[in-house]
């Protein structure tokens, strides 16, 4: 016969979950560093392949406020790789799906879903006040705009891009020229349109982007500033190339 749990037992169980939630983050980061994560604000532009995984990881590690930006709706072609998509939310807002996901994964954090197109009209207001911005966009124009606005507002940017078995990540501080090299004027579409995206590529590159965010916030370890990581998952080859300062 199952024993009924008292209200006190239920409350203790919830408290125990909250107490243990971040215990596996230690000693990769200290308890004090984990507490500090709750004070930071990170803006993720794009809630698709890269962005969905980045939001998932930022939420689980305990970033206090996440702004999830995306105007798109889910469609069937997203199901192979976008962690926020499933067969029940096709046609629905990607940023809203991020909010609903975080309510289940970590209700301790705040997720602000922004169901707007990131462009020259909305962009500056969207990212203002962020400690770090993450580029999870799928078009060069948006990436260039994110770089320009982050430079203007003095916000570090973590750039990522994926296509097929391949991807790249770099960290850009205000004044750096990396985005001018990566997203040159005149580029109209990304190579992912030709190569597609299997599920493992965004997961892998999103993990690297998330690690860069945490290192920036905690001023811990070395980042990919003035360097770009190229990942070739087909041949398991990884190169870090110096970028001109």
C-alpha atoms as a PDB file:
ATOM      1  CA  UNK A   1       0.000   0.000   0.000  1.00  0.00           C
ATOM      2  CA  UNK A   2       1.465   3.379  -0.993  1.00  0.00           C
ATOM      3  CA  UNK A   3       2.054   5.806   1.823  1.00  0.00           C
ATOM      4  CA  UNK A   4       0.544   9.253   1.364  1.00  0.00           C
ATOM      5  CA  UNK A   5       3.061  12.128   1.420  1.00  0.00           C
ATOM      6  CA  UNK A   6       2.310  14.954   3.794  1.00  0.00           C
ATOM      7  CA  UNK A   7       2.391  18.597   2.607  1.00  0.00           C
ATOM      8  CA  UNK A   8       5.575  18.988   4.646  1.00  0.00           C
ATOM      9  CA  UNK A   9       7.212  16.081   2.811  1.00  0.00           C
ATOM     10  CA  UNK A  10       6.269  17.568  -0.540  1.00  0.00           C
ATOM     11  CA  UNK A  11       7.700  20.949   0.434  1.00  0.00           C
ATOM     12  CA  UNK A  12      10.910  19.324   1.667  1.00  0.00           C
ATOM     13  CA  UNK A  13      11.190  17.440  -1.620  1.00  0.00           C
ATOM     14  CA  UNK A  14      10.957  20.635  -3.667  1.00  0.00           C
ATOM     15  CA  UNK A  15      13.521  22.354  -1.443  1.00  0.00           C
ATOM     16  CA  UNK A  16      15.874  19.394  -1.799  1.00  0.00           C
ATOM     17  CA  UNK A  17      15.643  19.561  -5.596  1.00  0.00           C
ATOM     18  CA  UNK A  18      16.472  23.262  -5.535  1.00  0.00           C
ATOM     19  CA  UNK A  19      19.381  22.649  -3.134  1.00  0.00           C
ATOM     20  CA  UNK A  20      20.819  19.904  -5.331  1.00  0.00           C
ATOM     21  CA  UNK A  21      20.061  21.467  -8.717  1.00  0.00           C
ATOM     22  CA  UNK A  22      23.497  22.971  -9.294  1.00  0.00           C
ATOM     23  CA  UNK A  23      25.592  20.535  -7.244  1.00  0.00           C
ATOM     24  CA  UNK A  24      27.054  18.866 -10.349  1.00  0.00           C
ATOM     25  CA  UNK A  25      28.311  22.232 -11.608  1.00  0.00           C
ATOM     26  CA  UNK A  26      30.781  22.192  -8.719  1.00  0.00           C
ATOM     27  CA  UNK A  27      33.797  21.938  -8.938  1.00  0.00           C
ATOM     28  CA  UNK A  28      33.865  22.877 -12.620  1.00  0.00           C
ATOM     29  CA  UNK A  29      32.798  26.221 -11.266  1.00  0.00           C
ATOM     30  CA  UNK A  30      32.709  27.144  -7.608  1.00  0.00           C
ATOM     31  CA  UNK A  31      29.555  27.527  -5.542  1.00  0.00           C
ATOM     32  CA  UNK A  32      30.163  31.279  -5.386  1.00  0.00           C
ATOM     33  CA  UNK A  33      30.526  31.441  -9.180  1.00  0.00           C
ATOM     34  CA  UNK A  34      27.328  29.471  -9.615  1.00  0.00           C
ATOM     35  CA  UNK A  35      25.493  31.911  -7.355  1.00  0.00           C
ATOM     36  CA  UNK A  36      26.859  34.799  -9.441  1.00  0.00           C
ATOM     37  CA  UNK A  37      25.377  33.293 -12.603  1.00  0.00           C
ATOM     38  CA  UNK A  38      21.913  34.178 -11.281  1.00  0.00           C
ATOM     39  CA  UNK A  39      22.754  37.880 -11.571  1.00  0.00           C
ATOM     40  CA  UNK A  40      23.636  37.796 -15.284  1.00  0.00           C
ATOM     41  CA  UNK A  41      21.517  38.508 -18.345  1.00  0.00           C
ATOM     42  CA  UNK A  42      22.215  36.683 -21.605  1.00  0.00           C
ATOM     43  CA  UNK A  43      20.421  37.370 -24.885  1.00  0.00           C
ATOM     44  CA  UNK A  44      20.203  34.511 -27.383  1.00  0.00           C
ATOM     45  CA  UNK A  45      19.250  35.675 -30.869  1.00  0.00           C
ATOM     46  CA  UNK A  46      17.665  32.720 -32.620  1.00  0.00           C
ATOM     47  CA  UNK A  47      15.856  29.797 -30.983  1.00  0.00           C
ATOM     48  CA  UNK A  48      16.447  27.204 -33.709  1.00  0.00           C
ATOM     49  CA  UNK A  49      19.225  24.646 -34.108  1.00  0.00           C
ATOM     50  CA  UNK A  50      21.977  26.429 -32.193  1.00  0.00           C
ATOM     51  CA  UNK A  51      19.792  28.689 -30.071  1.00  0.00           C
ATOM     52  CA  UNK A  52      17.562  25.989 -28.653  1.00  0.00           C
ATOM     53  CA  UNK A  53      20.507  24.008 -27.287  1.00  0.00           C
ATOM     54  CA  UNK A  54      22.197  27.171 -25.992  1.00  0.00           C
ATOM     55  CA  UNK A  55      19.059  28.215 -24.111  1.00  0.00           C
ATOM     56  CA  UNK A  56      18.753  24.706 -22.692  1.00  0.00           C
ATOM     57  CA  UNK A  57      22.322  24.732 -21.372  1.00  0.00           C
ATOM     58  CA  UNK A  58      22.233  28.292 -20.061  1.00  0.00           C
ATOM     59  CA  UNK A  59      19.025  27.526 -18.210  1.00  0.00           C
ATOM     60  CA  UNK A  60      20.340  24.321 -16.705  1.00  0.00           C
ATOM     61  CA  UNK A  61      23.576  25.878 -15.466  1.00  0.00           C
ATOM     62  CA  UNK A  62      21.623  28.690 -13.808  1.00  0.00           C
ATOM     63  CA  UNK A  63      21.881  31.920 -15.809  1.00  0.00           C
ATOM     64  CA  UNK A  64      19.444  34.218 -14.022  1.00  0.00           C
ATOM     65  CA  UNK A  65      17.830  35.939 -17.006  1.00  0.00           C
ATOM     66  CA  UNK A  66      17.732  34.696 -20.590  1.00  0.00           C
ATOM     67  CA  UNK A  67      16.206  36.672 -23.431  1.00  0.00           C
ATOM     68  CA  UNK A  68      15.166  34.326 -26.242  1.00  0.00           C
ATOM     69  CA  UNK A  69      14.605  36.092 -29.556  1.00  0.00           C
ATOM     70  CA  UNK A  70      12.933  34.558 -32.602  1.00  0.00           C
ATOM     71  CA  UNK A  71      10.101  35.523 -34.935  1.00  0.00           C
ATOM     72  CA  UNK A  72       9.865  32.120 -36.643  1.00  0.00           C
ATOM     73  CA  UNK A  73       7.379  29.309 -36.109  1.00  0.00           C
ATOM     74  CA  UNK A  74       8.245  25.627 -35.994  1.00  0.00           C
ATOM     75  CA  UNK A  75       7.777  23.459 -39.061  1.00  0.00           C
ATOM     76  CA  UNK A  76       8.382  19.795 -39.755  1.00  0.00           C
ATOM     77  CA  UNK A  77      11.838  20.389 -41.210  1.00  0.00           C
ATOM     78  CA  UNK A  78      12.951  21.571 -37.749  1.00  0.00           C
ATOM     79  CA  UNK A  79      12.212  18.257 -36.050  1.00  0.00           C
ATOM     80  CA  UNK A  80      15.505  16.619 -36.995  1.00  0.00           C
ATOM     81  CA  UNK A  81      17.703  19.032 -35.005  1.00  0.00           C
ATOM     82  CA  UNK A  82      15.900  21.736 -33.031  1.00  0.00           C
ATOM     83  CA  UNK A  83      15.555  20.633 -29.428  1.00  0.00           C
ATOM     84  CA  UNK A  84      12.671  23.011 -28.710  1.00  0.00           C
ATOM     85  CA  UNK A  85      10.543  21.553 -31.516  1.00  0.00           C
ATOM     86  CA  UNK A  86       8.238  18.540 -31.259  1.00  0.00           C
ATOM     87  CA  UNK A  87       5.165  17.221 -33.002  1.00  0.00           C
ATOM     88  CA  UNK A  88       2.849  19.116 -30.631  1.00  0.00           C
ATOM     89  CA  UNK A  89       4.152  22.639 -31.272  1.00  0.00           C
ATOM     90  CA  UNK A  90       4.460  22.769 -35.049  1.00  0.00           C
ATOM     91  CA  UNK A  91       3.283  26.173 -36.246  1.00  0.00           C
ATOM     92  CA  UNK A  92       3.927  27.751 -32.861  1.00  0.00           C
ATOM     93  CA  UNK A  93       6.394  30.461 -31.826  1.00  0.00           C
ATOM     94  CA  UNK A  94       9.966  29.304 -31.238  1.00  0.00           C
ATOM     95  CA  UNK A  95      10.588  31.904 -28.537  1.00  0.00           C
ATOM     96  CA  UNK A  96       7.400  30.881 -26.741  1.00  0.00           C
ATOM     97  CA  UNK A  97       8.535  27.262 -26.889  1.00  0.00           C
ATOM     98  CA  UNK A  98      11.750  28.359 -25.148  1.00  0.00           C
ATOM     99  CA  UNK A  99       9.678  29.916 -22.372  1.00  0.00           C
ATOM    100  CA  UNK A 100       7.536  26.815 -21.935  1.00  0.00           C
ATOM    101  CA  UNK A 101      10.623  24.607 -21.924  1.00  0.00           C
ATOM    102  CA  UNK A 102      12.360  26.600 -19.195  1.00  0.00           C
ATOM    103  CA  UNK A 103       9.252  26.514 -17.022  1.00  0.00           C
ATOM    104  CA  UNK A 104       9.759  22.745 -16.923  1.00  0.00           C
ATOM    105  CA  UNK A 105      13.562  22.614 -16.845  1.00  0.00           C
ATOM    106  CA  UNK A 106      14.412  25.414 -14.413  1.00  0.00           C
ATOM    107  CA  UNK A 107      11.617  27.599 -13.033  1.00  0.00           C
ATOM    108  CA  UNK A 108      14.197  29.402 -10.867  1.00  0.00           C
ATOM    109  CA  UNK A 109      15.364  31.469 -13.836  1.00  0.00           C
ATOM    110  CA  UNK A 110      13.618  34.188 -15.825  1.00  0.00           C
ATOM    111  CA  UNK A 111      13.168  33.689 -19.555  1.00  0.00           C
ATOM    112  CA  UNK A 112      11.924  36.630 -21.583  1.00  0.00           C
ATOM    113  CA  UNK A 113      10.619  35.454 -24.945  1.00  0.00           C
ATOM    114  CA  UNK A 114      10.771  38.073 -27.686  1.00  0.00           C
ATOM    115  CA  UNK A 115       8.562  37.176 -30.634  1.00  0.00           C
ATOM    116  CA  UNK A 116      10.022  39.842 -32.905  1.00  0.00           C
ATOM    117  CA  UNK A 117      12.195  39.909 -35.982  1.00  0.00           C
ATOM    118  CA  UNK A 118      15.735  40.939 -35.049  1.00  0.00           C
ATOM    119  CA  UNK A 119      16.444  43.872 -37.341  1.00  0.00           C
ATOM    120  CA  UNK A 120      17.680  47.464 -37.376  1.00  0.00           C
ATOM    121  CA  UNK A 121      14.396  48.664 -35.861  1.00  0.00           C
ATOM    122  CA  UNK A 122      14.129  46.227 -32.948  1.00  0.00           C
ATOM    123  CA  UNK A 123      17.688  45.010 -32.434  1.00  0.00           C
ATOM    124  CA  UNK A 124      19.190  47.672 -30.216  1.00  0.00           C
ATOM    125  CA  UNK A 125      16.331  47.648 -27.724  1.00  0.00           C
ATOM    126  CA  UNK A 126      16.307  43.826 -27.645  1.00  0.00           C
ATOM    127  CA  UNK A 127      19.944  43.427 -26.621  1.00  0.00           C
ATOM    128  CA  UNK A 128      20.291  46.523 -24.444  1.00  0.00           C
ATOM    129  CA  UNK A 129      21.231  45.640 -20.864  1.00  0.00           C
ATOM    130  CA  UNK A 130      22.577  42.180 -21.705  1.00  0.00           C
ATOM    131  CA  UNK A 131      25.869  41.012 -20.237  1.00  0.00           C
ATOM    132  CA  UNK A 132      26.533  38.778 -23.260  1.00  0.00           C
ATOM    133  CA  UNK A 133      24.749  38.327 -26.589  1.00  0.00           C
ATOM    134  CA  UNK A 134      24.795  34.989 -28.417  1.00  0.00           C
ATOM    135  CA  UNK A 135      24.564  34.904 -32.202  1.00  0.00           C
ATOM    136  CA  UNK A 136      22.485  31.851 -33.119  1.00  0.00           C
ATOM    137  CA  UNK A 137      21.165  33.412 -36.315  1.00  0.00           C
ATOM    138  CA  UNK A 138      21.122  31.687 -39.693  1.00  0.00           C
ATOM    139  CA  UNK A 139      21.787  34.662 -41.974  1.00  0.00           C
ATOM    140  CA  UNK A 140      24.851  36.883 -42.505  1.00  0.00           C
ATOM    141  CA  UNK A 141      22.861  40.127 -42.466  1.00  0.00           C
ATOM    142  CA  UNK A 142      21.540  39.434 -38.985  1.00  0.00           C
ATOM    143  CA  UNK A 143      24.974  38.391 -37.786  1.00  0.00           C
ATOM    144  CA  UNK A 144      26.525  41.612 -39.058  1.00  0.00           C
ATOM    145  CA  UNK A 145      23.796  43.625 -37.365  1.00  0.00           C
ATOM    146  CA  UNK A 146      24.320  41.770 -34.074  1.00  0.00           C
ATOM    147  CA  UNK A 147      28.034  42.515 -34.275  1.00  0.00           C
ATOM    148  CA  UNK A 148      27.462  46.204 -35.004  1.00  0.00           C
ATOM    149  CA  UNK A 149      24.929  46.659 -32.215  1.00  0.00           C
ATOM    150  CA  UNK A 150      27.021  44.797 -29.645  1.00  0.00           C
ATOM    151  CA  UNK A 151      29.998  47.008 -30.517  1.00  0.00           C
ATOM    152  CA  UNK A 152      27.819  50.110 -30.132  1.00  0.00           C
ATOM    153  CA  UNK A 153      26.416  49.005 -26.765  1.00  0.00           C
ATOM    154  CA  UNK A 154      29.734  47.611 -25.478  1.00  0.00           C
ATOM    155  CA  UNK A 155      28.486  44.026 -25.121  1.00  0.00           C
ATOM    156  CA  UNK A 156      30.549  40.887 -25.830  1.00  0.00           C
ATOM    157  CA  UNK A 157      29.170  38.657 -28.595  1.00  0.00           C
ATOM    158  CA  UNK A 158      29.587  34.904 -29.029  1.00  0.00           C
ATOM    159  CA  UNK A 159      29.198  34.020 -32.705  1.00  0.00           C
ATOM    160  CA  UNK A 160      28.339  30.587 -34.029  1.00  0.00           C
ATOM    161  CA  UNK A 161      27.476  29.157 -37.415  1.00  0.00           C
ATOM    162  CA  UNK A 162      26.782  25.637 -38.679  1.00  0.00           C
ATOM    163  CA  UNK A 163      26.397  23.831 -41.990  1.00  0.00           C
ATOM    164  CA  UNK A 164      26.287  20.093 -42.527  1.00  0.00           C
ATOM    165  CA  UNK A 165      29.111  18.433 -40.584  1.00  0.00           C
ATOM    166  CA  UNK A 166      30.865  21.756 -40.043  1.00  0.00           C
ATOM    167  CA  UNK A 167      30.697  24.739 -37.734  1.00  0.00           C
ATOM    168  CA  UNK A 168      32.564  27.691 -36.297  1.00  0.00           C
ATOM    169  CA  UNK A 169      32.666  29.711 -33.087  1.00  0.00           C
ATOM    170  CA  UNK A 170      34.395  32.923 -32.080  1.00  0.00           C
ATOM    171  CA  UNK A 171      34.056  35.431 -29.256  1.00  0.00           C
ATOM    172  CA  UNK A 172      33.926  39.098 -30.183  1.00  0.00           C
ATOM    173  CA  UNK A 173      34.514  41.962 -27.777  1.00  0.00           C
ATOM    174  CA  UNK A 174      33.627  45.574 -28.637  1.00  0.00           C
ATOM    175  CA  UNK A 175      36.330  46.964 -30.898  1.00  0.00           C
ATOM    176  CA  UNK A 176      37.304  43.576 -32.327  1.00  0.00           C
ATOM    177  CA  UNK A 177      37.095  43.147 -36.101  1.00  0.00           C
ATOM    178  CA  UNK A 178      36.142  39.466 -36.226  1.00  0.00           C
ATOM    179  CA  UNK A 179      32.623  39.969 -37.562  1.00  0.00           C
ATOM    180  CA  UNK A 180      33.942  42.112 -40.414  1.00  0.00           C
ATOM    181  CA  UNK A 181      36.052  39.141 -41.497  1.00  0.00           C
ATOM    182  CA  UNK A 182      33.424  36.440 -40.932  1.00  0.00           C
ATOM    183  CA  UNK A 183      30.339  38.159 -42.357  1.00  0.00           C
ATOM    184  CA  UNK A 184      31.548  40.196 -45.283  1.00  0.00           C
ATOM    185  CA  UNK A 185      29.227  42.617 -47.044  1.00  0.00           C
ATOM    186  CA  UNK A 186      27.514  41.175 -50.091  1.00  0.00           C
ATOM    187  CA  UNK A 187      26.978  37.712 -48.639  1.00  0.00           C
ATOM    188  CA  UNK A 188      23.302  36.903 -49.055  1.00  0.00           C
ATOM    189  CA  UNK A 189      22.840  33.397 -47.668  1.00  0.00           C
ATOM    190  CA  UNK A 190      24.653  30.868 -45.531  1.00  0.00           C
ATOM    191  CA  UNK A 191      26.218  27.656 -46.812  1.00  0.00           C
ATOM    192  CA  UNK A 192      23.808  25.670 -44.607  1.00  0.00           C
ATOM    193  CA  UNK A 193      21.233  26.151 -47.366  1.00  0.00           C
ATOM    194  CA  UNK A 194      23.335  23.805 -49.466  1.00  0.00           C
ATOM    195  CA  UNK A 195      24.741  21.419 -46.846  1.00  0.00           C
ATOM    196  CA  UNK A 196      21.749  21.107 -44.521  1.00  0.00           C
ATOM    197  CA  UNK A 197      22.136  20.416 -40.800  1.00  0.00           C
ATOM    198  CA  UNK A 198      22.115  17.036 -39.025  1.00  0.00           C
ATOM    199  CA  UNK A 199      21.186  17.036 -35.319  1.00  0.00           C
ATOM    200  CA  UNK A 200      24.649  16.567 -33.844  1.00  0.00           C
ATOM    201  CA  UNK A 201      26.267  19.648 -35.416  1.00  0.00           C
ATOM    202  CA  UNK A 202      24.156  22.302 -33.652  1.00  0.00           C
ATOM    203  CA  UNK A 203      24.382  20.415 -30.352  1.00  0.00           C
ATOM    204  CA  UNK A 204      28.183  20.302 -30.524  1.00  0.00           C
ATOM    205  CA  UNK A 205      28.733  23.918 -31.562  1.00  0.00           C
ATOM    206  CA  UNK A 206      26.087  25.186 -29.124  1.00  0.00           C
ATOM    207  CA  UNK A 207      27.993  23.561 -26.277  1.00  0.00           C
ATOM    208  CA  UNK A 208      31.132  25.464 -27.269  1.00  0.00           C
ATOM    209  CA  UNK A 209      29.214  28.733 -27.528  1.00  0.00           C
ATOM    210  CA  UNK A 210      27.691  28.158 -24.101  1.00  0.00           C
ATOM    211  CA  UNK A 211      31.108  27.470 -22.587  1.00  0.00           C
ATOM    212  CA  UNK A 212      32.357  30.746 -24.072  1.00  0.00           C
ATOM    213  CA  UNK A 213      29.438  32.619 -22.481  1.00  0.00           C
ATOM    214  CA  UNK A 214      30.154  31.187 -19.044  1.00  0.00           C
ATOM    215  CA  UNK A 215      33.874  31.986 -19.294  1.00  0.00           C
ATOM    216  CA  UNK A 216      33.118  35.578 -20.314  1.00  0.00           C
ATOM    217  CA  UNK A 217      30.698  36.075 -17.429  1.00  0.00           C
ATOM    218  CA  UNK A 218      32.959  34.515 -14.810  1.00  0.00           C
ATOM    219  CA  UNK A 219      36.218  35.841 -16.321  1.00  0.00           C
ATOM    220  CA  UNK A 220      37.469  32.291 -16.212  1.00  0.00           C
ATOM    221  CA  UNK A 221      39.825  30.424 -18.527  1.00  0.00           C
ATOM    222  CA  UNK A 222      40.691  31.362 -22.092  1.00  0.00           C
ATOM    223  CA  UNK A 223      38.153  32.348 -24.741  1.00  0.00           C
ATOM    224  CA  UNK A 224      38.155  32.336 -28.530  1.00  0.00           C
ATOM    225  CA  UNK A 225      38.688  36.081 -28.693  1.00  0.00           C
ATOM    226  CA  UNK A 226      40.588  37.059 -31.864  1.00  0.00           C
ATOM    227  CA  UNK A 227      40.498  33.379 -32.813  1.00  0.00           C
ATOM    228  CA  UNK A 228      37.983  31.235 -34.625  1.00  0.00           C
ATOM    229  CA  UNK A 229      37.390  27.554 -34.031  1.00  0.00           C
ATOM    230  CA  UNK A 230      36.571  25.534 -37.130  1.00  0.00           C
ATOM    231  CA  UNK A 231      35.018  22.124 -36.455  1.00  0.00           C
ATOM    232  CA  UNK A 232      34.857  19.328 -39.037  1.00  0.00           C
ATOM    233  CA  UNK A 233      32.822  16.550 -37.443  1.00  0.00           C
ATOM    234  CA  UNK A 234      32.995  14.356 -40.540  1.00  0.00           C
ATOM    235  CA  UNK A 235      36.764  13.934 -40.274  1.00  0.00           C
ATOM    236  CA  UNK A 236      37.055  14.868 -36.593  1.00  0.00           C
ATOM    237  CA  UNK A 237      39.385  17.745 -37.352  1.00  0.00           C
ATOM    238  CA  UNK A 238      39.454  20.946 -35.344  1.00  0.00           C
ATOM    239  CA  UNK A 239      41.445  24.082 -36.121  1.00  0.00           C
ATOM    240  CA  UNK A 240      41.836  27.332 -34.233  1.00  0.00           C
ATOM    241  CA  UNK A 241      42.865  30.167 -36.518  1.00  0.00           C
ATOM    242  CA  UNK A 242      44.161  33.522 -35.302  1.00  0.00           C
ATOM    243  CA  UNK A 243      42.189  36.538 -36.510  1.00  0.00           C
ATOM    244  CA  UNK A 244      43.710  39.946 -37.061  1.00  0.00           C
ATOM    245  CA  UNK A 245      43.111  42.255 -34.116  1.00  0.00           C
END
